[in-house]
Structures are given as structure tokens and as C-alpha cells.
Amino acid sequence: MSTKLFGHYIHPMLIVFPLGLFTTSFIFDLICLATANPQFGNAAYWMMTAGIVGALIAAPFGTIDWIGIPSGTRAKRIGLQHGLAASLMLALFIACWLLRGNAPSQPTSASIVLSLLGVATSLVAGWLGGELVERLGIGVHSDAHSDAPSSLSQRDARERASAEAPRERFFGGPKPAH
């Protein structure tokens, strides 16, 4: 079971938004505190709002993808840890957002601490997601290679996108074996 759009998983396409928005909201809150400019606090609040909405949209797609990972595997365990870390991150930012209440442009000390913890948790969740893809190959086409045709082309992934001979080097190092 997976959720794909044009041959690619939807969850990784969506998670960049909440991760970026949450991190930027934290940075803007720090700028607000340093400059006493409430416009940065207000921008941080709305970025956090958009990040919460984005995370709520991305989460079901990740859950569906996780259900499709074979049981009893390291990938299933890492996927669960990834989902729990992402859920904790979301809970921290929701708590931070709620603490802002009637004064969204004025971050409190408690909301800054929650935001910092949320950003730290997002790094853990992101690393675990990277482990799923880059180390465990979850979501990577079984015939993927550095010159595969576009997933939009309807061509077999084992083909080459160009008629050129395969490259012997990969980003300056030896070409990885598949």
C-alpha cells in the first residue's frame, strides 16, 4: 500500500513545507525577541499555523506508506519511530501555537522553549525519514539508477534516459553498485 502521485510518494513531497515553516517560525521568534519587532513574532505565528496544517496533511500519507512496509523489519521499526517523532514535533508546535493565544506576535519564554524542542525533534524525525529512504531503500524504485528515465515518461526504470554510455563516476567518487 502506498500513496503516489506521478510515480513519486506524496509524503516526502509534503513534509518539506511543515519542516521549513516550523524552523523558520523559530528563527523569526528569535529575531522578534532580539529586535523587539512584533512583525517577526506575527510572521512566526502564521508560519507555525501553516506548518501545523501542512503536517496534518502530510501525516496520513506517511501513515499509509508505513502500513505498506513489511512487518518485522527494521524499516517498520524505524518508520514507527519516525512517525512518533513527527507526532511529538507536531504536538510541541501545537502547544506552542496555543500558548500564543491572544498575543500571537509576542512569543513567551515557554513558547520559545517548545518551539526549540519542536525543531530539535524535527531533526530526529527527518533523520529517521532519511534512514528509511537512503539506508533502507523505502520508497526507492527497485531498478533506480543515476540515469533512469523520468517517472513521467512511462519508460522502464532499467532503461537509460540518454543514449550515452553509463558514467563510471558518481559525484566525484566511484559509481555505487546496485
Protein backbone atom coordinates (compact mmCIF):
# COMPACT_ATOMS: atom_id res chain seq x y z
CA MET A 1 0.00 0.00 0.00
CA SER A 2 1.40 3.40 -0.92
CA THR A 3 0.32 6.87 -1.89
CA LYS A 4 1.89 8.09 -5.10
CA LEU A 5 1.40 10.99 -7.47
CA PHE A 6 3.05 10.83 -10.90
CA GLY A 7 5.21 7.90 -9.74
CA HIS A 8 6.50 9.50 -6.52
CA TYR A 9 5.41 9.12 -2.92
CA ILE A 10 3.28 12.04 -1.72
CA HIS A 11 4.52 12.15 1.89
CA PRO A 12 8.11 13.22 1.06
CA MET A 13 6.75 15.90 -1.28
CA LEU A 14 4.64 17.40 1.50
CA ILE A 15 6.87 17.20 4.58
CA VAL A 16 9.28 19.85 3.34
CA PHE A 17 6.64 22.51 3.99
CA PRO A 18 5.99 21.94 7.71
CA LEU A 19 9.68 21.31 8.41
CA GLY A 20 10.69 24.55 6.72
CA LEU A 21 7.82 26.54 8.20
CA PHE A 22 8.43 25.32 11.75
CA THR A 23 12.16 26.04 11.59
CA THR A 24 11.60 29.47 10.09
CA SER A 25 8.96 30.30 12.71
CA PHE A 26 11.50 29.53 15.44
CA ILE A 27 14.11 31.73 13.75
CA PHE A 28 11.59 34.56 13.36
CA ASP A 29 10.66 34.30 17.04
CA LEU A 30 14.33 34.66 17.95
CA ILE A 31 14.58 37.72 15.68
CA CYS A 32 11.42 39.10 17.32
CA LEU A 33 13.00 38.73 20.76
CA ALA A 34 16.30 40.24 19.62
CA THR A 35 14.76 43.22 17.85
CA ALA A 36 11.52 43.69 19.81
CA ASN A 37 9.79 43.90 16.43
CA PRO A 38 6.35 42.22 16.78
CA GLN A 39 6.07 41.79 13.00
CA PHE A 40 8.57 38.93 13.24
CA GLY A 41 6.52 37.34 16.02
CA ASN A 42 3.36 37.67 13.97
CA ALA A 43 5.05 36.15 10.91
CA ALA A 44 6.35 33.31 13.11
CA TYR A 45 2.84 32.63 14.41
CA TRP A 46 1.37 32.36 10.92
CA MET A 47 4.27 30.21 9.69
CA MET A 48 3.62 27.92 12.63
CA THR A 49 -0.08 27.85 11.73
CA ALA A 50 0.73 26.89 8.14
CA GLY A 51 3.26 24.30 9.38
CA ILE A 52 0.62 22.67 11.59
CA VAL A 53 -1.82 22.49 8.68
CA GLY A 54 0.90 21.11 6.40
CA ALA A 55 1.92 18.46 8.94
CA LEU A 56 -1.70 17.39 9.37
CA ILE A 57 -1.98 16.99 5.60
CA ALA A 58 1.33 15.08 5.26
CA ALA A 59 0.78 12.69 8.19
CA PRO A 60 -1.95 10.46 6.69
CA PHE A 61 0.14 9.86 3.57
CA GLY A 62 3.11 8.81 5.72
CA THR A 63 0.88 6.54 7.78
CA ILE A 64 -0.47 4.82 4.69
CA ASP A 65 3.07 4.36 3.34
CA TRP A 66 4.18 2.95 6.72
CA ILE A 67 1.35 0.40 6.68
CA GLY A 68 2.80 -0.92 3.42
CA ILE A 69 6.24 -1.64 4.92
CA PRO A 70 6.70 -5.37 5.65
CA SER A 71 6.13 -6.31 9.31
CA GLY A 72 9.02 -7.47 11.44
CA THR A 73 11.59 -5.44 9.51
CA ARG A 74 13.99 -2.77 10.70
CA ALA A 75 12.25 -0.42 8.25
CA LYS A 76 8.92 -0.97 10.02
CA ARG A 77 10.53 -0.13 13.40
CA ILE A 78 12.34 2.93 12.03
CA GLY A 79 9.12 4.04 10.32
CA LEU A 80 7.27 3.82 13.63
CA GLN A 81 9.98 5.84 15.38
CA HIS A 82 9.85 8.39 12.55
CA GLY A 83 6.07 8.71 12.89
CA LEU A 84 6.24 9.04 16.68
CA ALA A 85 8.98 11.70 16.46
CA ALA A 86 6.97 13.61 13.84
CA SER A 87 3.84 13.37 16.02
CA LEU A 88 5.78 14.70 19.02
CA MET A 89 7.11 17.54 16.86
CA LEU A 90 3.57 18.41 15.80
CA ALA A 91 2.29 18.26 19.39
CA LEU A 92 5.09 20.60 20.53
CA PHE A 93 4.26 23.14 17.85
CA ILE A 94 0.53 22.90 18.52
CA ALA A 95 1.23 23.55 22.23
CA CYS A 96 3.47 26.48 21.26
CA TRP A 97 0.76 27.83 18.96
CA LEU A 98 -1.88 27.52 21.70
CA LEU A 99 0.36 29.30 24.22
CA ARG A 100 0.45 32.31 21.90
CA GLY A 101 -3.33 32.58 22.34
CA ASN A 102 -4.50 36.18 22.16
CA ALA A 103 -0.99 37.61 21.61
CA PRO A 104 0.36 35.81 18.54
CA SER A 105 3.01 38.46 17.87
CA GLN A 106 4.50 38.12 21.37
CA PRO A 107 6.25 34.78 21.93
CA THR A 108 6.57 33.76 25.56
CA SER A 109 9.59 32.01 27.06
CA ALA A 110 7.59 28.79 27.27
CA SER A 111 6.58 29.01 23.60
CA ILE A 112 10.22 29.59 22.58
CA VAL A 113 11.32 26.51 24.56
CA LEU A 114 8.55 24.39 23.00
CA SER A 115 9.50 25.68 19.55
CA LEU A 116 13.17 24.84 20.16
CA LEU A 117 12.20 21.33 21.29
CA GLY A 118 9.96 21.02 18.22
CA VAL A 119 12.81 21.98 15.88
CA ALA A 120 15.16 19.52 17.63
CA THR A 121 12.53 16.79 17.34
CA SER A 122 12.07 17.62 13.64
CA LEU A 123 15.78 16.93 13.11
CA VAL A 124 15.36 13.49 14.68
CA ALA A 125 12.21 12.78 12.64
CA GLY A 126 13.93 13.99 9.47
CA TRP A 127 17.00 11.83 10.10
CA LEU A 128 14.79 8.78 10.66
CA GLY A 129 12.91 9.54 7.43
CA GLY A 130 16.24 9.82 5.64
CA GLU A 131 17.29 6.47 7.11
CA LEU A 132 14.14 4.90 5.70
CA VAL A 133 14.86 6.18 2.19
CA GLU A 134 18.63 6.36 1.93
CA ARG A 135 19.70 3.37 4.02
CA LEU A 136 16.71 1.06 3.87
CA GLY A 137 15.52 1.94 0.36
CA ILE A 138 11.89 2.55 1.33
CA GLY A 139 10.19 4.45 -1.47
CA VAL A 140 13.09 3.91 -3.88
CA HIS A 141 12.26 2.16 -7.15
CA SER A 142 13.92 -1.25 -7.23
CA ASP A 143 15.53 -0.52 -10.60
CA ALA A 144 16.60 3.05 -9.77
CA HIS A 145 19.93 4.24 -11.13
CA SER A 146 21.65 7.56 -11.80
CA ASP A 147 20.49 7.76 -15.44
CA ALA A 148 16.97 6.32 -15.21
CA PRO A 149 14.29 8.00 -17.35
CA SER A 150 11.69 10.26 -15.74
CA SER A 151 8.85 8.52 -13.94
CA LEU A 152 6.53 10.61 -16.15
CA SER A 153 7.95 9.02 -19.33
CA GLN A 154 6.24 5.65 -18.82
CA ARG A 155 9.58 4.04 -19.74
CA ASP A 156 11.06 1.17 -17.76
CA ALA A 157 13.38 2.39 -14.99
CA ARG A 158 16.07 -0.03 -16.19
CA GLU A 159 16.43 1.98 -19.40
CA ARG A 160 18.81 4.91 -19.67
CA ALA A 161 17.47 8.45 -20.06
CA SER A 162 20.15 9.14 -22.67
CA ALA A 163 21.95 7.08 -25.27
CA GLU A 164 25.28 7.87 -23.59
CA ALA A 165 27.37 5.11 -22.06
CA PRO A 166 26.94 4.74 -18.29
CA ARG A 167 29.05 7.08 -16.20
CA GLU A 168 31.87 5.47 -14.30
CA ARG A 169 31.98 8.14 -11.62
CA PHE A 170 29.25 9.35 -9.26
CA PHE A 171 29.65 12.85 -7.76
CA GLY A 172 33.42 12.58 -7.97
CA GLY A 173 33.60 9.12 -6.37
CA PRO A 174 33.21 5.58 -7.58
CA LYS A 175 29.80 4.73 -9.01
CA PRO A 176 27.78 2.86 -6.38
CA ALA A 177 26.91 -0.76 -7.13
CA HIS A 178 23.21 -1.58 -7.41
